[in-house]
Structures are given as C-alpha cells and as structure tokens.
Amino acid sequence: MPKFGASTYCLNKKITSGEYSPVQAFERLCDLGAQVVEICPIGFDTSEDPALCEALAKASRERGIPLGNYSTGSNFILLTTEQFDANIAKAKKHIDAAASMGIRTIRFDCAYANRPISENTPERFDEELPDIVRGYRLLCDYAKQFGMTVQIENHGYHANGAERVRRIITAVGRDNFGHQLDVGNYICVDDVPEMSVRRMIGFATTIHMKDFYVRSGDRFIEASDGGHCIWFGTSGGRRLRGSILGQGDLDIPDIMKVIKDSGYDGNIMLEFEGVEDCDYATGKSIAYMKQLWDNV
C-alpha cells in the first residue's frame, strides 16, 4: 500500500516569503494529511546546513511521518569540465544531506540549462546523452555507499518524454538508478500523460502527482501576475497552468488506476504548483489522492 504525501515544494511560496520555515512547512504538510513528506530545498539549502537536516529529521521522528524523498535540480550539459565537476560536487553534498536525514531516494535534474525550447531537439539530445549518462553514473556510484537510489524526473523540455527518459535510464544502467515519475510533466512535451504513465510505471521508484489546466496556444492568456508565472508553454505551443489535483484537464482517475493496477506500492507525493492558496490546495489534493486510490 503506497504512502500518500506531499513535497515541501507545494508550500514553496510561503517558505520563500518567510511565512514558513522548512520545519514549519514539514509540520504543516503533516497537519494537511501527508503520510510521507518530500524535501525539496527551494528557499533553503539543506546541503549547506547540517543543523537544518537534523531539525527536519527530528521533526520526522517526533511526528512519525517519514521523509520519503529528496528532490533537487542539477545540470550536466553545456558545461566546461570545471563547471561539470562543480555541479557533481554540489550534488554529492545533497546526497550527504539526504543520507543524514535517513532518506533513501534522491532526484536530480540533468538538463537544467537555460536555452530556447526550440533547441531541445532530438539531435541535441543524442549529442548530450553521454554527458547526462556520465553525470548520473557518478552520482549513483557515490550514493551506493548510503544504500540510496538516484532518480531522474521527467522535467522540463529536454530530459522529458517517455522515449528520452527511458533511453537515459537504460543507458545509465545502474541498479540504484530509477525514475521519479511525474504524472503531469509529460504533457510539457505534449506526451499524453496517461499513456506515458503506462509506458514508464515499471521504472518508477517514486511518483509525483500533478494536474494542469490545458489550453490551445492560439488563445490569449495572461502569462504572469505580479511577476509570478501563471501559464507556461509546452514544447508544441499549448499553454499550461497548475491546478488542484483532480480539478484540471488531465485524466487523473485513469492515471491513478494505471498506477494501482501496476502493483506499485512506493511513495506517491503531491507536487502542487497552481495559483490557489497552497495550504488549501495541498490539503484538498492529498485528500483527493487517498479517496481516488480507494475508488479506482
């Protein structure tokens, strides 16, 4: 039976504003019904703060709610040798931080490069795949001493899509490498999410639940509100906006049925990124996940 929970990312607006400390965010997620909590160090840096790691681990022990994953970004492409080595060294600090909190799965992005979507071509992917594979192998080999699994999430516009993610996983070829399957992110590259989940569920070591409103690209949609992104584009030109789980346009019931029918029993964690109040949206979404699992 999976544990249903949420990432601290769900509350990142209140963390970055200073309304919640990371420990307060953990506590709030527990209060909202999380059975497991993912640490996503946005607005704080656990890799440079052993005292914070201990405080989070202590809060987890006291509440009896496990820290089920650690999720952070990195980049292995378009770098000099020195930049690549620096990113690997920083990633290893995140692995150390996760290990100190007793976390056994950790997600790193690999293509967090800032470039136009139009340049994330299949040809570029083929050229850059060796660097991606090398980065993940180095991290897997380092994480193995802690009994930790390194993961790739289908994130962004380059290392995304079922075909590309599968190629990365099989090319890395490490037994402690897996897939943080984000059920919503596949639509960022215009994959059909429920079909991609069917194709990739066998690789999943953790799951992010997420929902989006989806609109055609030729409709006028306000892109920002006070500097905060509301709508963003897919690689094919459609527009997306995060929603409360089950209230958007993705077929979340079908996706959850695919997950349940597969026999998956790991952690399933919400990653809310909509415009609604994040406490309200997170609580509603966690409750919906639990109810949906029982009903599909």
C-alpha atoms as a PDB file:
ATOM      1  CA  MET A   1       0.000   0.000   0.000  1.00  0.00           C
ATOM      2  CA  PRO A   2       1.538   3.312  -1.031  1.00  0.00           C
ATOM      3  CA  LYS A   3       2.003   6.206   1.348  1.00  0.00           C
ATOM      4  CA  PHE A   4       0.335   9.399   0.121  1.00  0.00           C
ATOM      5  CA  GLY A   5       2.040  12.673   0.871  1.00  0.00           C
ATOM      6  CA  ALA A   6       3.423  15.883  -0.492  1.00  0.00           C
ATOM      7  CA  SER A   7       6.598  17.751  -1.307  1.00  0.00           C
ATOM      8  CA  THR A   8       7.684  20.855   0.567  1.00  0.00           C
ATOM      9  CA  TYR A   9       7.608  22.317  -2.967  1.00  0.00           C
ATOM     10  CA  CYS A  10       3.828  22.585  -2.536  1.00  0.00           C
ATOM     11  CA  LEU A  11       4.400  25.277   0.098  1.00  0.00           C
ATOM     12  CA  ASN A  12       7.429  26.928  -1.506  1.00  0.00           C
ATOM     13  CA  LYS A  13       5.687  30.319  -1.879  1.00  0.00           C
ATOM     14  CA  LYS A  14       5.265  30.528   1.874  1.00  0.00           C
ATOM     15  CA  ILE A  15       8.749  29.142   2.506  1.00  0.00           C
ATOM     16  CA  THR A  16      10.451  31.666   0.214  1.00  0.00           C
ATOM     17  CA  SER A  17       8.372  34.514   1.667  1.00  0.00           C
ATOM     18  CA  GLY A  18       9.485  33.565   5.165  1.00  0.00           C
ATOM     19  CA  GLU A  19       5.995  32.698   6.406  1.00  0.00           C
ATOM     20  CA  TYR A  20       7.072  29.082   6.979  1.00  0.00           C
ATOM     21  CA  SER A  21      10.456  27.761   7.957  1.00  0.00           C
ATOM     22  CA  PRO A  22      11.331  24.402   6.368  1.00  0.00           C
ATOM     23  CA  VAL A  23      10.455  22.630   9.618  1.00  0.00           C
ATOM     24  CA  GLN A  24       7.153  24.521   9.845  1.00  0.00           C
ATOM     25  CA  ALA A  25       6.412  23.528   6.255  1.00  0.00           C
ATOM     26  CA  PHE A  26       7.035  19.881   7.157  1.00  0.00           C
ATOM     27  CA  GLU A  27       4.724  20.197  10.149  1.00  0.00           C
ATOM     28  CA  ARG A  28       2.046  21.877   8.049  1.00  0.00           C
ATOM     29  CA  LEU A  29       2.127  19.102   5.455  1.00  0.00           C
ATOM     30  CA  CYS A  30       1.660  16.556   8.243  1.00  0.00           C
ATOM     31  CA  ASP A  31      -1.332  18.539   9.501  1.00  0.00           C
ATOM     32  CA  LEU A  32      -2.768  18.568   5.971  1.00  0.00           C
ATOM     33  CA  GLY A  33      -2.783  14.768   5.855  1.00  0.00           C
ATOM     34  CA  ALA A  34       0.597  13.809   4.407  1.00  0.00           C
ATOM     35  CA  GLN A  35       1.718  10.293   5.289  1.00  0.00           C
ATOM     36  CA  VAL A  36       5.158  10.988   3.812  1.00  0.00           C
ATOM     37  CA  VAL A  37       6.981  14.238   3.020  1.00  0.00           C
ATOM     38  CA  GLU A  38       9.481  15.023   0.290  1.00  0.00           C
ATOM     39  CA  ILE A  39      12.219  17.573   0.938  1.00  0.00           C
ATOM     40  CA  CYS A  40      12.635  19.991  -1.979  1.00  0.00           C
ATOM     41  CA  PRO A  41      15.200  22.637  -0.976  1.00  0.00           C
ATOM     42  CA  ILE A  42      13.727  25.706  -2.642  1.00  0.00           C
ATOM     43  CA  GLY A  43      14.040  28.721  -0.364  1.00  0.00           C
ATOM     44  CA  PHE A  44      16.537  26.854   1.811  1.00  0.00           C
ATOM     45  CA  ASP A  45      19.672  24.772   1.297  1.00  0.00           C
ATOM     46  CA  THR A  46      19.934  21.584   3.311  1.00  0.00           C
ATOM     47  CA  SER A  47      23.196  20.706   1.534  1.00  0.00           C
ATOM     48  CA  GLU A  48      24.944  23.509   3.445  1.00  0.00           C
ATOM     49  CA  ASP A  49      23.040  23.310   6.735  1.00  0.00           C
ATOM     50  CA  PRO A  50      23.581  20.181   8.868  1.00  0.00           C
ATOM     51  CA  ALA A  51      21.604  21.733  11.728  1.00  0.00           C
ATOM     52  CA  LEU A  52      18.552  22.099   9.483  1.00  0.00           C
ATOM     53  CA  CYS A  53      18.914  18.481   8.349  1.00  0.00           C
ATOM     54  CA  GLU A  54      18.921  17.360  11.966  1.00  0.00           C
ATOM     55  CA  ALA A  55      15.919  19.563  12.773  1.00  0.00           C
ATOM     56  CA  LEU A  56      13.933  18.058   9.896  1.00  0.00           C
ATOM     57  CA  ALA A  57      14.951  14.520  10.843  1.00  0.00           C
ATOM     58  CA  LYS A  58      13.936  15.211  14.457  1.00  0.00           C
ATOM     59  CA  ALA A  59      10.547  16.587  13.381  1.00  0.00           C
ATOM     60  CA  SER A  60      10.035  13.491  11.247  1.00  0.00           C
ATOM     61  CA  ARG A  61      10.808  11.179  14.154  1.00  0.00           C
ATOM     62  CA  GLU A  62       8.543  13.090  16.524  1.00  0.00           C
ATOM     63  CA  ARG A  63       5.586  13.121  14.135  1.00  0.00           C
ATOM     64  CA  GLY A  64       6.133   9.573  12.924  1.00  0.00           C
ATOM     65  CA  ILE A  65       5.940  10.827   9.318  1.00  0.00           C
ATOM     66  CA  PRO A  66       8.895   9.726   7.166  1.00  0.00           C
ATOM     67  CA  LEU A  67      10.954  11.918   4.886  1.00  0.00           C
ATOM     68  CA  GLY A  68      10.318   9.887   1.777  1.00  0.00           C
ATOM     69  CA  ASN A  69      12.409  11.581  -0.895  1.00  0.00           C
ATOM     70  CA  TYR A  70      14.774  14.465  -1.626  1.00  0.00           C
ATOM     71  CA  SER A  71      14.241  16.364  -4.862  1.00  0.00           C
ATOM     72  CA  THR A  72      16.537  18.973  -6.346  1.00  0.00           C
ATOM     73  CA  GLY A  73      17.867  20.315  -9.621  1.00  0.00           C
ATOM     74  CA  SER A  74      21.193  19.922 -11.350  1.00  0.00           C
ATOM     75  CA  ASN A  75      22.657  20.211 -14.818  1.00  0.00           C
ATOM     76  CA  PHE A  76      25.159  18.066 -16.718  1.00  0.00           C
ATOM     77  CA  ILE A  77      25.079  19.652 -20.185  1.00  0.00           C
ATOM     78  CA  LEU A  78      26.553  22.694 -21.955  1.00  0.00           C
ATOM     79  CA  LEU A  79      29.294  22.938 -19.326  1.00  0.00           C
ATOM     80  CA  THR A  80      33.047  23.252 -19.156  1.00  0.00           C
ATOM     81  CA  THR A  81      34.904  20.463 -17.365  1.00  0.00           C
ATOM     82  CA  GLU A  82      35.250  22.697 -14.327  1.00  0.00           C
ATOM     83  CA  GLN A  83      31.534  23.534 -14.282  1.00  0.00           C
ATOM     84  CA  PHE A  84      30.562  19.876 -14.678  1.00  0.00           C
ATOM     85  CA  ASP A  85      32.818  18.852 -11.802  1.00  0.00           C
ATOM     86  CA  ALA A  86      31.434  21.650  -9.617  1.00  0.00           C
ATOM     87  CA  ASN A  87      27.864  20.521 -10.258  1.00  0.00           C
ATOM     88  CA  ILE A  88      28.733  16.932  -9.389  1.00  0.00           C
ATOM     89  CA  ALA A  89      30.437  18.085  -6.182  1.00  0.00           C
ATOM     90  CA  LYS A  90      27.357  20.125  -5.224  1.00  0.00           C
ATOM     91  CA  ALA A  91      25.081  17.178  -5.983  1.00  0.00           C
ATOM     92  CA  LYS A  92      27.165  14.948  -3.727  1.00  0.00           C
ATOM     93  CA  LYS A  93      26.557  17.417  -0.882  1.00  0.00           C
ATOM     94  CA  HIS A  94      22.841  16.985  -1.442  1.00  0.00           C
ATOM     95  CA  ILE A  95      23.307  13.205  -1.275  1.00  0.00           C
ATOM     96  CA  ASP A  96      25.163  13.625   2.025  1.00  0.00           C
ATOM     97  CA  ALA A  97      22.323  15.800   3.343  1.00  0.00           C
ATOM     98  CA  ALA A  98      19.671  13.282   2.298  1.00  0.00           C
ATOM     99  CA  ALA A  99      21.625  10.434   3.879  1.00  0.00           C
ATOM    100  CA  SER A 100      21.924  12.350   7.157  1.00  0.00           C
ATOM    101  CA  MET A 101      18.107  12.560   7.279  1.00  0.00           C
ATOM    102  CA  GLY A 102      17.668   8.860   6.545  1.00  0.00           C
ATOM    103  CA  ILE A 103      16.280   9.454   3.043  1.00  0.00           C
ATOM    104  CA  ARG A 104      16.953   6.667   0.562  1.00  0.00           C
ATOM    105  CA  THR A 105      15.791   8.143  -2.762  1.00  0.00           C
ATOM    106  CA  ILE A 106      17.024  11.379  -4.319  1.00  0.00           C
ATOM    107  CA  ARG A 107      16.071  13.078  -7.568  1.00  0.00           C
ATOM    108  CA  PHE A 108      18.411  15.221  -9.668  1.00  0.00           C
ATOM    109  CA  ASP A 109      17.616  17.011 -12.893  1.00  0.00           C
ATOM    110  CA  CYS A 110      20.238  16.679 -15.591  1.00  0.00           C
ATOM    111  CA  ALA A 111      19.372  19.287 -18.233  1.00  0.00           C
ATOM    112  CA  TYR A 112      18.523  22.401 -16.279  1.00  0.00           C
ATOM    113  CA  ALA A 113      20.155  24.509 -18.962  1.00  0.00           C
ATOM    114  CA  ASN A 114      18.650  27.856 -19.891  1.00  0.00           C
ATOM    115  CA  ARG A 115      18.090  27.815 -23.631  1.00  0.00           C
ATOM    116  CA  PRO A 116      15.176  28.193 -26.044  1.00  0.00           C
ATOM    117  CA  ILE A 117      12.737  25.297 -26.206  1.00  0.00           C
ATOM    118  CA  SER A 118      13.328  25.105 -29.955  1.00  0.00           C
ATOM    119  CA  GLU A 119      16.911  23.987 -29.301  1.00  0.00           C
ATOM    120  CA  ASN A 120      15.899  20.922 -27.286  1.00  0.00           C
ATOM    121  CA  THR A 121      15.924  18.813 -30.424  1.00  0.00           C
ATOM    122  CA  PRO A 122      16.374  15.041 -30.795  1.00  0.00           C
ATOM    123  CA  GLU A 123      19.751  15.740 -32.390  1.00  0.00           C
ATOM    124  CA  ARG A 124      20.874  17.794 -29.402  1.00  0.00           C
ATOM    125  CA  PHE A 125      19.628  15.067 -27.064  1.00  0.00           C
ATOM    126  CA  ASP A 126      21.716  12.459 -28.886  1.00  0.00           C
ATOM    127  CA  GLU A 127      24.792  14.691 -28.653  1.00  0.00           C
ATOM    128  CA  GLU A 128      24.313  15.401 -24.958  1.00  0.00           C
ATOM    129  CA  LEU A 129      23.209  11.943 -23.794  1.00  0.00           C
ATOM    130  CA  PRO A 130      26.794  10.833 -22.950  1.00  0.00           C
ATOM    131  CA  ASP A 131      27.218  13.770 -20.547  1.00  0.00           C
ATOM    132  CA  ILE A 132      23.852  13.045 -18.949  1.00  0.00           C
ATOM    133  CA  VAL A 133      24.736   9.377 -18.506  1.00  0.00           C
ATOM    134  CA  ARG A 134      28.173  10.212 -17.088  1.00  0.00           C
ATOM    135  CA  GLY A 135      26.677  12.587 -14.530  1.00  0.00           C
ATOM    136  CA  TYR A 136      24.100  10.119 -13.305  1.00  0.00           C
ATOM    137  CA  ARG A 137      26.612   7.254 -13.115  1.00  0.00           C
ATOM    138  CA  LEU A 138      28.931   9.347 -10.952  1.00  0.00           C
ATOM    139  CA  LEU A 139      26.078  10.172  -8.586  1.00  0.00           C
ATOM    140  CA  CYS A 140      24.786   6.598  -8.480  1.00  0.00           C
ATOM    141  CA  ASP A 141      28.240   5.302  -7.636  1.00  0.00           C
ATOM    142  CA  TYR A 142      28.593   7.869  -4.850  1.00  0.00           C
ATOM    143  CA  ALA A 143      25.085   7.258  -3.469  1.00  0.00           C
ATOM    144  CA  LYS A 144      25.545   3.479  -3.371  1.00  0.00           C
ATOM    145  CA  GLN A 145      27.529   3.715  -0.098  1.00  0.00           C
ATOM    146  CA  PHE A 146      24.364   5.023   1.579  1.00  0.00           C
ATOM    147  CA  GLY A 147      22.051   2.434   0.025  1.00  0.00           C
ATOM    148  CA  MET A 148      20.469   5.312  -1.886  1.00  0.00           C
ATOM    149  CA  THR A 149      18.702   5.314  -5.251  1.00  0.00           C
ATOM    150  CA  VAL A 150      19.318   8.256  -7.590  1.00  0.00           C
ATOM    151  CA  GLN A 151      16.371   9.245  -9.781  1.00  0.00           C
ATOM    152  CA  ILE A 152      15.585  11.184 -12.924  1.00  0.00           C
ATOM    153  CA  GLU A 153      12.307  13.055 -13.082  1.00  0.00           C
ATOM    154  CA  ASN A 154      10.673  13.780 -16.431  1.00  0.00           C
ATOM    155  CA  HIS A 155      11.225  17.515 -16.031  1.00  0.00           C
ATOM    156  CA  GLY A 156      11.471  20.481 -18.357  1.00  0.00           C
ATOM    157  CA  TYR A 157      11.698  20.211 -22.119  1.00  0.00           C
ATOM    158  CA  HIS A 158      14.888  18.254 -22.829  1.00  0.00           C
ATOM    159  CA  ALA A 159      15.145  15.256 -20.493  1.00  0.00           C
ATOM    160  CA  ASN A 160      11.419  14.646 -20.734  1.00  0.00           C
ATOM    161  CA  GLY A 161       9.081  12.473 -22.762  1.00  0.00           C
ATOM    162  CA  ALA A 162       8.797   8.729 -22.289  1.00  0.00           C
ATOM    163  CA  GLU A 163      11.237   7.873 -25.081  1.00  0.00           C
ATOM    164  CA  ARG A 164      14.036  10.119 -23.816  1.00  0.00           C
ATOM    165  CA  VAL A 165      13.623   9.239 -20.151  1.00  0.00           C
ATOM    166  CA  ARG A 166      13.635   5.532 -20.970  1.00  0.00           C
ATOM    167  CA  ARG A 167      16.818   5.960 -23.029  1.00  0.00           C
ATOM    168  CA  ILE A 168      18.535   7.715 -20.136  1.00  0.00           C
ATOM    169  CA  ILE A 169      17.513   5.073 -17.595  1.00  0.00           C
ATOM    170  CA  THR A 170      18.636   2.161 -19.735  1.00  0.00           C
ATOM    171  CA  ALA A 171      21.890   3.884 -20.759  1.00  0.00           C
ATOM    172  CA  VAL A 172      22.859   4.681 -17.157  1.00  0.00           C
ATOM    173  CA  GLY A 173      22.412   1.011 -16.334  1.00  0.00           C
ATOM    174  CA  ARG A 174      22.869   1.224 -12.559  1.00  0.00           C
ATOM    175  CA  ASP A 175      20.770  -0.862 -10.166  1.00  0.00           C
ATOM    176  CA  ASN A 176      20.378   2.174  -7.908  1.00  0.00           C
ATOM    177  CA  PHE A 177      19.006   4.419 -10.646  1.00  0.00           C
ATOM    178  CA  GLY A 178      15.288   4.937 -11.100  1.00  0.00           C
ATOM    179  CA  HIS A 179      12.508   7.204 -12.271  1.00  0.00           C
ATOM    180  CA  GLN A 180      10.693   9.837 -10.264  1.00  0.00           C
ATOM    181  CA  LEU A 181       7.608   9.619 -12.423  1.00  0.00           C
ATOM    182  CA  ASP A 182       5.782  12.955 -12.563  1.00  0.00           C
ATOM    183  CA  VAL A 183       2.356  12.141 -13.971  1.00  0.00           C
ATOM    184  CA  GLY A 184       1.751  15.699 -15.166  1.00  0.00           C
ATOM    185  CA  ASN A 185       5.110  16.772 -16.536  1.00  0.00           C
ATOM    186  CA  TYR A 186       4.890  14.552 -19.603  1.00  0.00           C
ATOM    187  CA  ILE A 187       2.384  16.984 -21.084  1.00  0.00           C
ATOM    188  CA  CYS A 188       5.087  19.689 -21.053  1.00  0.00           C
ATOM    189  CA  VAL A 189       6.488  17.972 -24.158  1.00  0.00           C
ATOM    190  CA  ASP A 190       2.996  17.115 -25.437  1.00  0.00           C
ATOM    191  CA  ASP A 191       3.078  13.440 -24.498  1.00  0.00           C
ATOM    192  CA  VAL A 192      -0.312  12.051 -23.469  1.00  0.00           C
ATOM    193  CA  PRO A 193       0.208  11.700 -19.693  1.00  0.00           C
ATOM    194  CA  GLU A 194      -1.892   8.591 -19.101  1.00  0.00           C
ATOM    195  CA  MET A 195      -0.149   6.775 -21.966  1.00  0.00           C
ATOM    196  CA  SER A 196       3.324   7.811 -20.794  1.00  0.00           C
ATOM    197  CA  VAL A 197       2.499   6.665 -17.267  1.00  0.00           C
ATOM    198  CA  ARG A 198       1.501   3.271 -18.682  1.00  0.00           C
ATOM    199  CA  ARG A 199       4.796   3.053 -20.538  1.00  0.00           C
ATOM    200  CA  MET A 200       7.001   4.204 -17.646  1.00  0.00           C
ATOM    201  CA  ILE A 201       5.356   2.911 -14.477  1.00  0.00           C
ATOM    202  CA  GLY A 202       7.671  -0.098 -14.463  1.00  0.00           C
ATOM    203  CA  PHE A 203      10.644   2.221 -13.912  1.00  0.00           C
ATOM    204  CA  ALA A 204       9.006   4.285 -11.139  1.00  0.00           C
ATOM    205  CA  THR A 205      10.762   4.456  -7.780  1.00  0.00           C
ATOM    206  CA  THR A 206       8.744   7.455  -6.543  1.00  0.00           C
ATOM    207  CA  ILE A 207       5.741   9.248  -8.039  1.00  0.00           C
ATOM    208  CA  HIS A 208       4.772  12.924  -8.219  1.00  0.00           C
ATOM    209  CA  MET A 209       1.070  13.625  -8.652  1.00  0.00           C
ATOM    210  CA  LYS A 210       0.238  16.845 -10.502  1.00  0.00           C
ATOM    211  CA  ASP A 211      -2.580  18.307 -12.552  1.00  0.00           C
ATOM    212  CA  PHE A 212      -2.787  21.092 -15.151  1.00  0.00           C
ATOM    213  CA  TYR A 213      -5.301  23.204 -16.966  1.00  0.00           C
ATOM    214  CA  VAL A 214      -4.528  22.851 -20.681  1.00  0.00           C
ATOM    215  CA  ARG A 215      -5.361  25.453 -23.323  1.00  0.00           C
ATOM    216  CA  SER A 216      -4.527  25.852 -27.010  1.00  0.00           C
ATOM    217  CA  GLY A 217      -1.674  28.187 -27.786  1.00  0.00           C
ATOM    218  CA  ASP A 218      -3.687  30.499 -30.030  1.00  0.00           C
ATOM    219  CA  ARG A 219      -5.864  31.700 -27.148  1.00  0.00           C
ATOM    220  CA  PHE A 220      -4.825  34.863 -25.332  1.00  0.00           C
ATOM    221  CA  ILE A 221      -3.942  34.005 -21.760  1.00  0.00           C
ATOM    222  CA  GLU A 222      -2.328  36.319 -19.239  1.00  0.00           C
ATOM    223  CA  ALA A 223       1.113  34.849 -18.679  1.00  0.00           C
ATOM    224  CA  SER A 224       2.004  36.401 -15.345  1.00  0.00           C
ATOM    225  CA  ASP A 225       0.588  38.049 -12.264  1.00  0.00           C
ATOM    226  CA  GLY A 226       2.868  40.354 -10.303  1.00  0.00           C
ATOM    227  CA  GLY A 227       5.931  38.595 -11.677  1.00  0.00           C
ATOM    228  CA  HIS A 228       4.679  35.084 -10.907  1.00  0.00           C
ATOM    229  CA  CYS A 229       4.231  32.748 -13.863  1.00  0.00           C
ATOM    230  CA  ILE A 230       0.641  31.554 -14.252  1.00  0.00           C
ATOM    231  CA  TRP A 231       0.582  29.999 -17.743  1.00  0.00           C
ATOM    232  CA  PHE A 232       3.591  28.482 -19.489  1.00  0.00           C
ATOM    233  CA  GLY A 233       4.089  26.832 -22.836  1.00  0.00           C
ATOM    234  CA  THR A 234       4.533  23.231 -23.889  1.00  0.00           C
ATOM    235  CA  SER A 235       7.165  22.355 -26.455  1.00  0.00           C
ATOM    236  CA  GLY A 236       4.387  22.259 -29.064  1.00  0.00           C
ATOM    237  CA  GLY A 237       2.907  25.621 -28.125  1.00  0.00           C
ATOM    238  CA  ARG A 238      -0.027  24.776 -25.876  1.00  0.00           C
ATOM    239  CA  ARG A 239      -0.416  26.595 -22.544  1.00  0.00           C
ATOM    240  CA  LEU A 240      -0.463  25.030 -19.086  1.00  0.00           C
ATOM    241  CA  ARG A 241      -1.373  26.210 -15.604  1.00  0.00           C
ATOM    242  CA  GLY A 242      -1.079  24.161 -12.425  1.00  0.00           C
ATOM    243  CA  SER A 243      -4.314  23.125 -10.728  1.00  0.00           C
ATOM    244  CA  ILE A 244      -5.594  21.429  -7.611  1.00  0.00           C
ATOM    245  CA  LEU A 245      -5.341  17.695  -8.228  1.00  0.00           C
ATOM    246  CA  GLY A 246      -8.435  16.392  -9.971  1.00  0.00           C
ATOM    247  CA  GLN A 247      -9.698  19.838 -10.950  1.00  0.00           C
ATOM    248  CA  GLY A 248      -7.548  20.270 -14.061  1.00  0.00           C
ATOM    249  CA  ASP A 249      -7.723  18.726 -17.520  1.00  0.00           C
ATOM    250  CA  LEU A 250      -5.573  15.636 -17.019  1.00  0.00           C
ATOM    251  CA  ASP A 251      -7.286  12.262 -16.611  1.00  0.00           C
ATOM    252  CA  ILE A 252      -6.117  11.768 -13.029  1.00  0.00           C
ATOM    253  CA  PRO A 253      -8.566   8.892 -12.290  1.00  0.00           C
ATOM    254  CA  ASP A 254      -7.231   6.907 -15.260  1.00  0.00           C
ATOM    255  CA  ILE A 255      -3.645   7.699 -14.273  1.00  0.00           C
ATOM    256  CA  MET A 256      -4.258   6.551 -10.698  1.00  0.00           C
ATOM    257  CA  LYS A 257      -5.860   3.348 -11.973  1.00  0.00           C
ATOM    258  CA  VAL A 258      -2.772   2.647 -14.086  1.00  0.00           C
ATOM    259  CA  ILE A 259      -0.580   3.129 -11.009  1.00  0.00           C
ATOM    260  CA  LYS A 260      -2.755   0.921  -8.808  1.00  0.00           C
ATOM    261  CA  ASP A 261      -3.159  -1.825 -11.405  1.00  0.00           C
ATOM    262  CA  SER A 262       0.619  -1.949 -11.867  1.00  0.00           C
ATOM    263  CA  GLY A 263       1.128  -3.076  -8.277  1.00  0.00           C
ATOM    264  CA  TYR A 264       3.214  -0.008  -7.429  1.00  0.00           C
ATOM    265  CA  ASP A 265       3.443   0.399  -3.639  1.00  0.00           C
ATOM    266  CA  GLY A 266       6.027   3.151  -3.162  1.00  0.00           C
ATOM    267  CA  ASN A 267       5.565   6.774  -2.164  1.00  0.00           C
ATOM    268  CA  ILE A 268       3.053   8.924  -4.076  1.00  0.00           C
ATOM    269  CA  MET A 269       3.652  12.607  -3.370  1.00  0.00           C
ATOM    270  CA  LEU A 270       1.808  15.713  -4.450  1.00  0.00           C
ATOM    271  CA  GLU A 271       3.678  18.488  -6.268  1.00  0.00           C
ATOM    272  CA  PHE A 272       1.173  21.355  -6.373  1.00  0.00           C
ATOM    273  CA  GLU A 273       2.123  24.458  -8.396  1.00  0.00           C
ATOM    274  CA  GLY A 274      -1.138  26.290  -9.002  1.00  0.00           C
ATOM    275  CA  VAL A 275      -2.242  29.806  -8.052  1.00  0.00           C
ATOM    276  CA  GLU A 276      -4.662  28.864  -5.272  1.00  0.00           C
ATOM    277  CA  ASP A 277      -3.677  29.209  -1.625  1.00  0.00           C
ATOM    278  CA  CYS A 278      -1.100  26.480  -1.259  1.00  0.00           C
ATOM    279  CA  ASP A 279      -2.308  25.188   2.127  1.00  0.00           C
ATOM    280  CA  TYR A 280      -5.885  24.847   0.894  1.00  0.00           C
ATOM    281  CA  ALA A 281      -4.860  23.311  -2.429  1.00  0.00           C
ATOM    282  CA  THR A 282      -2.428  20.862  -0.857  1.00  0.00           C
ATOM    283  CA  GLY A 283      -4.943  19.629   1.714  1.00  0.00           C
ATOM    284  CA  LYS A 284      -7.650  19.173  -0.918  1.00  0.00           C
ATOM    285  CA  SER A 285      -5.229  17.358  -3.238  1.00  0.00           C
ATOM    286  CA  ILE A 286      -3.915  14.952  -0.596  1.00  0.00           C
ATOM    287  CA  ALA A 287      -7.475  14.040   0.409  1.00  0.00           C
ATOM    288  CA  TYR A 288      -8.374  13.506  -3.250  1.00  0.00           C
ATOM    289  CA  MET A 289      -5.390  11.183  -3.801  1.00  0.00           C
ATOM    290  CA  LYS A 290      -6.403   8.959  -0.887  1.00  0.00           C
ATOM    291  CA  GLN A 291     -10.073   8.882  -1.907  1.00  0.00           C
ATOM    292  CA  LEU A 292      -9.248   8.187  -5.531  1.00  0.00           C
ATOM    293  CA  TRP A 293      -6.962   5.271  -4.675  1.00  0.00           C
ATOM    294  CA  ASP A 294      -9.787   3.621  -2.732  1.00  0.00           C
ATOM    295  CA  ASN A 295     -12.303   4.180  -5.544  1.00  0.00           C
ATOM    296  CA  VAL A 296     -10.451   3.288  -8.764  1.00  0.00           C
END
